[in-house]
Amino acid sequence: MAKVLYTNANLLDGTNPAQPGSSVTVEEGRIKAVSGPGASAGGSHEQVIDLQGRTLMPGMVMGHWHGAYANYGADGGSQAFSGVEQAFLALSNVQLALDCGYTTLISAGTHYNIDVELAQSIEAGHATGPRIISCSRNYMPAQDAASTMANEELCMTSGPDAFSEGARYDLDRGVQIIKIFASGGHGAPEGMQMTAEEIQAVVDTAREYGARVRAHVSGRQQILDCVHAGVAIIDHGDEADDECIEAYLENGTFVLPSAYVLLRAAELGGNTFGFRNDMQDFDQSCALLPRLVDAGVKLVPGDDFGVWQIPHGDYAKELVCYAEHANIEPLELIRWSTCYGGEMTGVGGLGTIETGNHADLLIVNADPSANIDALTRPDNIQAVIKGGDLVSGSLPEPLAAASAG
C-alpha cells in the first residue's frame, strides 16, 4: 500500500477546531503522521495529493443503525420482507451509508443475524461497506405467558434466566451488542418495562462473551437501572434528570437522543410508533441536549433511519436538526459523529485523525464545522477512505511523487 501525503488540508481531527494548511500521511492503512499548519510533513511519499483547502476529517460513525429497514412501519415496508430480502436491503443500505461518509456503523438491532454475516462478508472483501459493530434481535419483556415468543426478529420473555438464555443464543452467533427494550421509547416511558434483575442478567451474560448491551429506554427509573447494571449505550433517554446525568458520567455511558424521527413524524403526521405527542416529545429531547453537552456526557448521532418517516441516506439531517432546534454547535456535532462515535465502537483507533489510528477519512468540499448542513449534500462528499483505501467518490489528481521537506 502506497505511502500517501494529503497536503493543504483544512483539518478537522475529530476533536479540535479546523486547522487549515495541515498535512496527513497515510501508510499501510494507518495514519503515519499529522503535521499542523505551516509544518513540514517530512520524508518521501509515493503519492502527494493536494486537497487545495478541502476539509479532511475522520470517517463518520453512525451510532444507531437498522440496516434491514426500509419504509418500516408503513404498508409494504420491510417488516413484511423475508430474511433474504432483508439481507439484500442491508447490503444496499451499508453501501449508501459509505457514500454518505460513514465508515463505521454501530447497529441497534437487526434480524436473522444479518449484521454478523454482512460484517464478515465486508471484512473478507466479498462486499464493500463500512465497519459494522453487530447487534442482536430485540429483547423485550413479555406482559404475560401468552405473549412469550422467540424468533429471528425478537425475543419476548420474562425472568432473568430466560433473558440470559435468549442472549446466549445471539452471543453464540457472534453479535457484539445485545439490544434490550428496558422501557417504552419516545413518549411512552410507562410502556413495556424490564425489571432491574432482568437487565442485570443480560449485562452479566454479555460480559461473559466480551460483549455489551444497549437499551431502548426513556423512563427515568429504567435509565438508572440500566446504567447501574452496566448498560453501555442508552438510546433515547428522554426522561433523564440530574441523577441520570451523574450516573452517565460516573459510568462512561454513551447516549443517543435519536430525536430526529420525532420531528419528522410531527411534520408528516401520523403516529405509527405510539408517540403521545410528537412535538412535545421532540421539544423535551431538544431541551435536554444542551444540559447533557454542558455536563460532558458523550453523545453520538444515529436514529431509526429506515422507518417510514426518515429514509436511509438522510443521516446528516439529524445533525442539522440538533443544530437548528437545540442550538448545538457544528463542531460539537462533528465530535459526536467522529470522536465520541469512535470511542463507542469499542475498537481502538477510530474517530480521530492522529498518529497510529486507522486511516478512515472523509474529504469534504466545504467546512462542516462552519455549516453542518454541508454534510447533507452528496456533491460535498468528495471521497471516502477506509483503512487507507478509496471506497467511495474520487480523489483529486495526485501530484508527482515527492519528498516533502
Protein backbone atom coordinates (compact mmCIF):
# COMPACT_ATOMS: atom_id res chain seq x y z
CA MET A 1 0.00 0.00 0.00
CA ALA A 2 1.46 3.33 -1.10
CA LYS A 3 2.62 5.97 1.34
CA VAL A 4 0.31 8.93 0.64
CA LEU A 5 0.58 12.52 1.77
CA TYR A 6 -2.60 14.59 1.88
CA THR A 7 -1.46 18.18 1.96
CA ASN A 8 -3.04 21.65 2.12
CA ALA A 9 -5.97 20.22 4.09
CA ASN A 10 -8.48 22.04 6.24
CA LEU A 11 -8.05 19.50 9.03
CA LEU A 12 -10.91 18.59 11.36
CA ASP A 13 -9.29 15.94 13.53
CA GLY A 14 -12.47 14.96 15.38
CA THR A 15 -11.69 16.98 18.48
CA ASN A 16 -10.26 20.42 17.71
CA PRO A 17 -11.37 23.38 15.59
CA ALA A 18 -10.41 23.40 11.91
CA GLN A 19 -6.70 23.72 11.15
CA PRO A 20 -6.18 24.99 7.58
CA GLY A 21 -2.90 24.22 5.86
CA SER A 22 -2.39 20.85 7.56
CA SER A 23 -0.97 17.60 6.17
CA VAL A 24 -1.67 13.94 6.93
CA THR A 25 0.46 10.97 5.90
CA VAL A 26 -1.18 7.55 5.42
CA GLU A 27 0.69 4.27 5.13
CA GLU A 28 -0.42 0.63 5.43
CA GLY A 29 -3.97 1.64 6.30
CA ARG A 30 -2.93 3.79 9.25
CA ILE A 31 -2.24 7.45 9.89
CA LYS A 32 1.53 7.73 9.89
CA ALA A 33 1.89 11.41 10.71
CA VAL A 34 -0.12 14.60 11.20
CA SER A 35 1.50 17.98 10.53
CA GLY A 36 -0.13 21.21 11.60
CA PRO A 37 -0.34 24.47 9.67
CA GLY A 38 3.00 25.51 8.22
CA ALA A 39 4.83 22.41 9.47
CA SER A 40 6.77 20.17 7.11
CA ALA A 41 5.40 16.64 6.66
CA GLY A 42 8.96 15.36 6.20
CA GLY A 43 10.17 12.24 4.40
CA SER A 44 9.36 10.87 0.96
CA HIS A 45 5.91 9.86 -0.27
CA GLU A 46 4.82 7.75 -3.23
CA GLN A 47 1.79 9.98 -3.75
CA VAL A 48 1.15 13.58 -2.80
CA ILE A 49 -2.47 14.75 -3.01
CA ASP A 50 -3.08 18.48 -2.73
CA LEU A 51 -6.52 18.94 -1.19
CA GLN A 52 -6.47 22.65 -2.10
CA GLY A 53 -8.17 23.66 1.13
CA ARG A 54 -10.79 20.91 1.18
CA THR A 55 -11.74 19.58 4.60
CA LEU A 56 -10.12 16.34 5.74
CA MET A 57 -11.98 14.78 8.66
CA PRO A 58 -12.43 11.33 10.20
CA GLY A 59 -14.90 8.98 8.59
CA MET A 60 -18.15 9.36 10.48
CA VAL A 61 -19.73 6.85 12.84
CA MET A 62 -23.45 6.07 12.83
CA GLY A 63 -24.33 5.09 16.38
CA HIS A 64 -27.88 3.77 15.85
CA TRP A 65 -28.23 1.65 12.73
CA HIS A 66 -31.00 -0.56 11.37
CA GLY A 67 -29.62 -1.88 8.11
CA ALA A 68 -32.61 -4.02 7.17
CA TYR A 69 -35.21 -1.24 7.45
CA ALA A 70 -36.95 0.44 4.51
CA ASN A 71 -40.26 2.27 4.85
CA TYR A 72 -40.61 0.33 8.08
CA GLY A 73 -43.98 0.74 9.75
CA ALA A 74 -45.86 1.64 6.56
CA ASP A 75 -47.82 -0.62 4.25
CA GLY A 76 -45.39 -2.66 2.18
CA GLY A 77 -42.48 -1.79 4.45
CA SER A 78 -39.57 -4.06 5.24
CA GLN A 79 -41.33 -5.53 8.27
CA ALA A 80 -43.03 -7.81 5.73
CA PHE A 81 -39.80 -8.83 3.94
CA SER A 82 -38.28 -12.29 4.08
CA GLY A 83 -34.88 -12.82 5.67
CA VAL A 84 -33.21 -12.96 2.25
CA GLU A 85 -34.89 -9.72 1.15
CA GLN A 86 -33.78 -8.03 4.36
CA ALA A 87 -30.20 -9.19 3.80
CA PHE A 88 -30.07 -7.67 0.31
CA LEU A 89 -31.65 -4.50 1.66
CA ALA A 90 -28.99 -4.30 4.37
CA LEU A 91 -26.24 -4.66 1.76
CA SER A 92 -27.71 -1.79 -0.25
CA ASN A 93 -28.05 0.40 2.84
CA VAL A 94 -24.49 -0.10 4.07
CA GLN A 95 -23.19 0.91 0.65
CA LEU A 96 -25.38 4.03 0.78
CA ALA A 97 -24.04 4.87 4.24
CA LEU A 98 -20.50 4.62 2.93
CA ASP A 99 -21.31 7.02 0.09
CA CYS A 100 -22.67 9.46 2.70
CA GLY A 101 -19.37 9.45 4.60
CA TYR A 102 -19.99 6.83 7.29
CA THR A 103 -17.11 4.41 7.64
CA THR A 104 -18.42 2.70 10.78
CA LEU A 105 -21.94 1.60 11.72
CA ILE A 106 -22.94 0.59 15.25
CA SER A 107 -26.06 -1.48 14.95
CA ALA A 108 -29.10 -1.00 17.16
CA GLY A 109 -30.75 -4.28 16.23
CA THR A 110 -31.25 -6.45 13.20
CA HIS A 111 -32.94 -9.68 12.23
CA TYR A 112 -31.68 -13.07 11.04
CA ASN A 113 -28.12 -12.39 12.29
CA ILE A 114 -27.65 -10.16 9.24
CA ASP A 115 -25.21 -7.79 10.97
CA VAL A 116 -22.73 -10.52 11.83
CA GLU A 117 -22.74 -12.17 8.43
CA LEU A 118 -22.64 -8.91 6.49
CA ALA A 119 -19.74 -7.67 8.62
CA GLN A 120 -17.88 -10.90 7.89
CA SER A 121 -18.52 -10.53 4.15
CA ILE A 122 -17.20 -6.97 4.15
CA GLU A 123 -14.15 -7.97 6.17
CA ALA A 124 -13.44 -10.81 3.73
CA GLY A 125 -13.69 -8.46 0.76
CA HIS A 126 -16.83 -10.04 -0.70
CA ALA A 127 -18.76 -6.77 -0.33
CA THR A 128 -17.91 -3.10 0.07
CA GLY A 129 -19.17 -1.32 3.14
CA PRO A 130 -18.34 0.34 6.44
CA ARG A 131 -17.07 -1.39 9.53
CA ILE A 132 -20.05 -2.90 11.35
CA ILE A 133 -20.43 -3.37 15.10
CA SER A 134 -23.10 -6.04 15.13
CA CYS A 135 -26.23 -6.20 17.25
CA SER A 136 -28.80 -8.82 18.15
CA ARG A 137 -32.51 -9.06 17.56
CA ASN A 138 -34.66 -7.10 20.02
CA TYR A 139 -35.16 -8.32 23.59
CA MET A 140 -38.48 -7.27 25.11
CA PRO A 141 -40.37 -8.06 28.33
CA ALA A 142 -43.42 -10.29 27.89
CA GLN A 143 -46.53 -8.97 29.58
CA ASP A 144 -47.81 -12.47 30.33
CA ALA A 145 -47.16 -16.11 29.46
CA ALA A 146 -49.31 -15.89 26.35
CA SER A 147 -47.11 -13.15 24.86
CA THR A 148 -43.84 -15.05 25.31
CA MET A 149 -42.19 -15.74 21.97
CA ALA A 150 -38.81 -16.05 20.29
CA ASN A 151 -37.94 -15.94 16.59
CA GLU A 152 -35.32 -14.43 14.29
CA GLU A 153 -36.68 -10.92 14.83
CA LEU A 154 -37.26 -10.69 18.57
CA CYS A 155 -37.17 -12.46 21.89
CA MET A 156 -40.08 -11.58 24.16
CA THR A 157 -39.70 -13.27 27.51
CA SER A 158 -39.66 -12.73 31.26
CA GLY A 159 -37.37 -13.51 34.17
CA PRO A 160 -33.58 -13.16 34.47
CA ASP A 161 -32.83 -16.76 33.47
CA ALA A 162 -34.95 -16.59 30.32
CA PHE A 163 -33.37 -13.31 29.23
CA SER A 164 -29.90 -14.73 29.86
CA GLU A 165 -30.67 -17.87 27.86
CA GLY A 166 -32.00 -15.82 24.96
CA ALA A 167 -28.95 -13.57 24.94
CA ARG A 168 -26.63 -16.57 24.77
CA TYR A 169 -28.31 -17.66 21.55
CA ASP A 170 -27.32 -14.41 19.82
CA LEU A 171 -23.93 -14.15 21.51
CA ASP A 172 -23.03 -17.66 20.37
CA ARG A 173 -23.70 -16.47 16.81
CA GLY A 174 -21.19 -13.65 17.18
CA VAL A 175 -23.10 -10.45 17.95
CA GLN A 176 -21.15 -7.73 19.75
CA ILE A 177 -24.13 -5.92 21.29
CA ILE A 178 -27.40 -7.14 22.81
CA LYS A 179 -30.35 -4.77 22.37
CA ILE A 180 -32.92 -4.63 25.16
CA PHE A 181 -36.17 -2.70 25.48
CA ALA A 182 -35.91 -1.69 29.13
CA SER A 183 -38.95 0.58 28.86
CA GLY A 184 -41.07 2.17 26.19
CA GLY A 185 -39.36 4.66 23.90
CA HIS A 186 -40.08 8.27 22.96
CA GLY A 187 -43.21 9.45 24.71
CA ALA A 188 -44.05 6.07 26.21
CA PRO A 189 -41.92 5.50 29.32
CA GLU A 190 -44.81 3.74 31.00
CA GLY A 191 -44.86 1.07 28.28
CA MET A 192 -43.01 -2.24 28.46
CA GLN A 193 -40.66 -2.38 31.44
CA MET A 194 -37.90 -4.83 32.28
CA THR A 195 -37.02 -5.40 35.91
CA ALA A 196 -33.63 -4.40 37.28
CA GLU A 197 -32.84 -8.10 37.74
CA GLU A 198 -33.64 -8.89 34.10
CA ILE A 199 -31.45 -6.03 32.89
CA GLN A 200 -28.59 -7.16 35.11
CA ALA A 201 -28.88 -10.74 33.85
CA VAL A 202 -28.47 -9.62 30.23
CA VAL A 203 -25.49 -7.39 31.06
CA ASP A 204 -23.77 -10.15 33.04
CA THR A 205 -24.30 -12.66 30.24
CA ALA A 206 -22.98 -10.26 27.60
CA ARG A 207 -19.88 -9.59 29.69
CA GLU A 208 -19.07 -13.30 29.71
CA TYR A 209 -18.66 -13.00 25.94
CA GLY A 210 -16.85 -9.67 25.97
CA ALA A 211 -19.98 -8.06 24.53
CA ARG A 212 -22.04 -5.04 25.57
CA VAL A 213 -25.68 -4.08 25.99
CA ARG A 214 -27.60 -1.13 24.63
CA ALA A 215 -31.05 -0.16 25.89
CA HIS A 216 -34.09 1.37 24.24
CA VAL A 217 -35.31 3.30 27.26
CA SER A 218 -36.93 6.61 28.14
CA GLY A 219 -38.29 6.22 31.69
CA ARG A 220 -36.18 7.73 34.46
CA GLN A 221 -36.08 4.71 36.78
CA GLN A 222 -35.31 2.30 33.95
CA ILE A 223 -32.50 4.60 32.77
CA LEU A 224 -30.96 4.39 36.24
CA ASP A 225 -31.47 0.62 36.39
CA CYS A 226 -29.70 0.26 33.03
CA VAL A 227 -26.75 2.49 33.85
CA HIS A 228 -26.19 0.96 37.29
CA ALA A 229 -26.33 -2.52 35.76
CA GLY A 230 -23.61 -1.60 33.27
CA VAL A 231 -25.58 -0.98 30.08
CA ALA A 232 -23.08 0.78 27.82
CA ILE A 233 -25.41 2.66 25.46
CA ILE A 234 -28.67 4.46 26.20
CA ASP A 235 -30.99 5.02 23.25
CA HIS A 236 -33.42 7.94 23.69
CA GLY A 237 -33.25 8.60 27.47
CA ASP A 238 -35.99 11.23 27.26
CA GLU A 239 -36.71 11.49 30.99
CA ALA A 240 -33.12 11.73 32.20
CA ASP A 241 -32.70 14.08 35.15
CA ASP A 242 -29.65 15.28 37.09
CA GLU A 243 -29.29 11.91 38.84
CA CYS A 244 -29.29 10.13 35.47
CA ILE A 245 -26.73 12.57 34.07
CA GLU A 246 -24.48 11.99 37.06
CA ALA A 247 -24.82 8.24 36.55
CA TYR A 248 -23.92 8.62 32.85
CA LEU A 249 -20.74 10.44 33.78
CA GLU A 250 -19.75 8.02 36.53
CA ASN A 251 -20.19 5.00 34.26
CA GLY A 252 -18.95 6.42 30.95
CA THR A 253 -22.34 5.76 29.35
CA PHE A 254 -22.93 6.82 25.75
CA VAL A 255 -26.27 8.47 24.95
CA LEU A 256 -28.07 8.63 21.61
CA PRO A 257 -31.04 11.04 21.62
CA SER A 258 -32.37 9.75 18.28
CA ALA A 259 -34.89 12.59 18.22
CA TYR A 260 -34.94 13.47 14.52
CA VAL A 261 -37.65 10.87 13.94
CA LEU A 262 -39.92 12.81 16.32
CA LEU A 263 -39.57 15.98 14.28
CA ARG A 264 -40.29 14.20 11.02
CA ALA A 265 -43.26 12.36 12.50
CA ALA A 266 -44.74 15.68 13.59
CA GLU A 267 -44.11 17.24 10.18
CA LEU A 268 -45.53 14.30 8.24
CA GLY A 269 -48.41 13.44 10.54
CA GLY A 270 -49.33 10.00 11.73
CA ASN A 271 -48.43 8.27 14.95
CA THR A 272 -47.23 4.83 13.92
CA PHE A 273 -44.92 4.17 16.85
CA GLY A 274 -47.14 5.33 19.69
CA PHE A 275 -45.69 8.78 20.38
CA ARG A 276 -48.09 10.53 22.78
CA ASN A 277 -47.40 13.95 21.24
CA ASP A 278 -44.67 14.19 18.64
CA MET A 279 -43.70 17.84 19.10
CA GLN A 280 -43.99 17.65 22.88
CA ASP A 281 -41.56 14.75 22.94
CA PHE A 282 -39.27 16.40 20.41
CA ASP A 283 -39.16 19.65 22.37
CA GLN A 284 -38.40 17.68 25.54
CA SER A 285 -35.47 15.95 23.84
CA CYS A 286 -34.10 19.20 22.43
CA ALA A 287 -34.29 20.90 25.83
CA LEU A 288 -32.28 18.05 27.36
CA LEU A 289 -29.42 18.09 24.83
CA PRO A 290 -27.63 21.29 25.95
CA ARG A 291 -27.71 20.05 29.55
CA LEU A 292 -26.07 16.80 28.50
CA VAL A 293 -23.43 18.64 26.47
CA ASP A 294 -22.65 21.10 29.27
CA ALA A 295 -22.28 18.21 31.74
CA GLY A 296 -19.81 16.41 29.47
CA VAL A 297 -21.96 13.41 28.54
CA LYS A 298 -20.73 11.69 25.38
CA LEU A 299 -23.50 11.89 22.80
CA VAL A 300 -23.47 10.06 19.48
CA PRO A 301 -25.79 10.57 16.49
CA GLY A 302 -27.92 7.88 14.90
CA ASP A 303 -31.65 7.45 14.56
CA ASP A 304 -34.23 4.96 13.32
CA PHE A 305 -33.35 5.54 9.67
CA GLY A 306 -35.39 3.24 7.50
CA VAL A 307 -38.68 3.80 9.33
CA TRP A 308 -41.24 5.45 7.12
CA GLN A 309 -40.60 8.97 8.43
CA ILE A 310 -36.81 9.06 7.89
CA PRO A 311 -35.34 7.17 4.92
CA HIS A 312 -31.83 5.84 4.73
CA GLY A 313 -29.49 8.42 3.23
CA ASP A 314 -30.83 11.34 5.27
CA TYR A 315 -28.35 10.70 8.08
CA ALA A 316 -26.74 14.14 8.29
CA LYS A 317 -30.16 15.78 8.52
CA GLU A 318 -30.24 14.57 12.12
CA LEU A 319 -27.19 16.76 12.81
CA VAL A 320 -28.86 19.75 11.17
CA CYS A 321 -31.92 19.09 13.31
CA TYR A 322 -29.90 19.38 16.53
CA ALA A 323 -28.10 22.49 15.30
CA GLU A 324 -31.34 24.25 14.40
CA HIS A 325 -33.61 23.11 17.22
CA ALA A 326 -31.25 22.51 20.17
CA ASN A 327 -28.57 25.10 19.31
CA ILE A 328 -25.76 22.54 19.31
CA GLU A 329 -22.65 23.96 17.63
CA PRO A 330 -21.46 22.28 14.41
CA LEU A 331 -18.04 21.43 15.88
CA GLU A 332 -19.71 19.66 18.80
CA LEU A 333 -21.88 17.68 16.38
CA ILE A 334 -18.75 16.67 14.49
CA ARG A 335 -17.27 15.40 17.76
CA TRP A 336 -20.41 13.32 18.28
CA SER A 337 -20.07 11.86 14.78
CA THR A 338 -16.36 11.12 14.96
CA CYS A 339 -14.52 11.18 18.29
CA TYR A 340 -17.35 10.01 20.55
CA GLY A 341 -18.69 7.62 17.93
CA GLY A 342 -15.24 6.12 17.54
CA GLU A 343 -15.00 5.60 21.29
CA MET A 344 -18.43 3.99 21.35
CA THR A 345 -17.35 1.32 18.86
CA GLY A 346 -15.07 -0.20 21.47
CA VAL A 347 -12.47 -0.57 18.70
CA GLY A 348 -9.27 1.38 19.20
CA GLY A 349 -8.03 3.87 16.64
CA LEU A 350 -11.31 5.13 15.20
CA GLY A 351 -12.95 8.54 15.19
CA THR A 352 -9.98 10.91 15.27
CA ILE A 353 -7.11 11.80 12.96
CA GLU A 354 -3.99 11.12 14.98
CA THR A 355 -0.83 9.10 14.52
CA GLY A 356 -1.43 5.36 14.66
CA ASN A 357 -5.18 5.45 14.10
CA HIS A 358 -6.99 3.72 11.26
CA ALA A 359 -6.96 5.84 8.11
CA ASP A 360 -10.74 6.18 7.88
CA LEU A 361 -11.05 9.61 6.30
CA LEU A 362 -13.55 11.86 4.61
CA ILE A 363 -12.70 14.60 2.11
CA VAL A 364 -15.40 17.28 2.02
CA ASN A 365 -15.76 20.16 -0.44
CA ALA A 366 -16.83 22.51 2.37
CA ASP A 367 -16.18 23.11 6.06
CA PRO A 368 -18.83 21.29 8.14
CA SER A 369 -17.59 22.99 11.30
CA ALA A 370 -18.79 26.27 9.79
CA ASN A 371 -22.03 24.83 8.37
CA ILE A 372 -23.12 21.34 9.38
CA ASP A 373 -25.64 21.35 6.53
CA ALA A 374 -22.69 20.79 4.17
CA LEU A 375 -22.76 17.09 5.08
CA THR A 376 -26.31 16.69 3.75
CA ARG A 377 -25.25 17.44 0.15
CA PRO A 378 -23.89 14.42 -1.75
CA ASP A 379 -21.78 16.61 -4.04
CA ASN A 380 -19.84 17.81 -1.00
CA ILE A 381 -18.63 14.29 -0.19
CA GLN A 382 -15.57 14.25 -2.45
CA ALA A 383 -14.05 10.99 -1.24
CA VAL A 384 -14.47 8.34 1.45
CA ILE A 385 -11.37 6.44 2.56
CA LYS A 386 -11.50 3.35 4.75
CA GLY A 387 -8.31 1.79 6.05
CA GLY A 388 -6.34 3.92 3.60
CA ASP A 389 -8.30 2.71 0.56
CA LEU A 390 -10.65 4.84 -1.53
CA VAL A 391 -14.09 3.22 -1.16
CA SER A 392 -16.39 5.94 -2.49
CA GLY A 393 -16.05 9.09 -4.59
CA SER A 394 -12.82 10.25 -6.19
CA LEU A 395 -9.55 11.79 -5.08
CA PRO A 396 -8.03 14.93 -6.55
CA GLU A 397 -5.32 14.10 -9.06
CA PRO A 398 -2.09 13.27 -7.21
CA LEU A 399 0.99 15.35 -7.74
CA ALA A 400 4.21 13.67 -8.81
CA ALA A 401 5.87 11.51 -6.17
CA ALA A 402 7.82 13.87 -3.99
CA SER A 403 9.90 14.41 -0.93
CA ALA A 404 8.04 16.74 1.40
CA GLY A 405 10.80 18.57 3.15
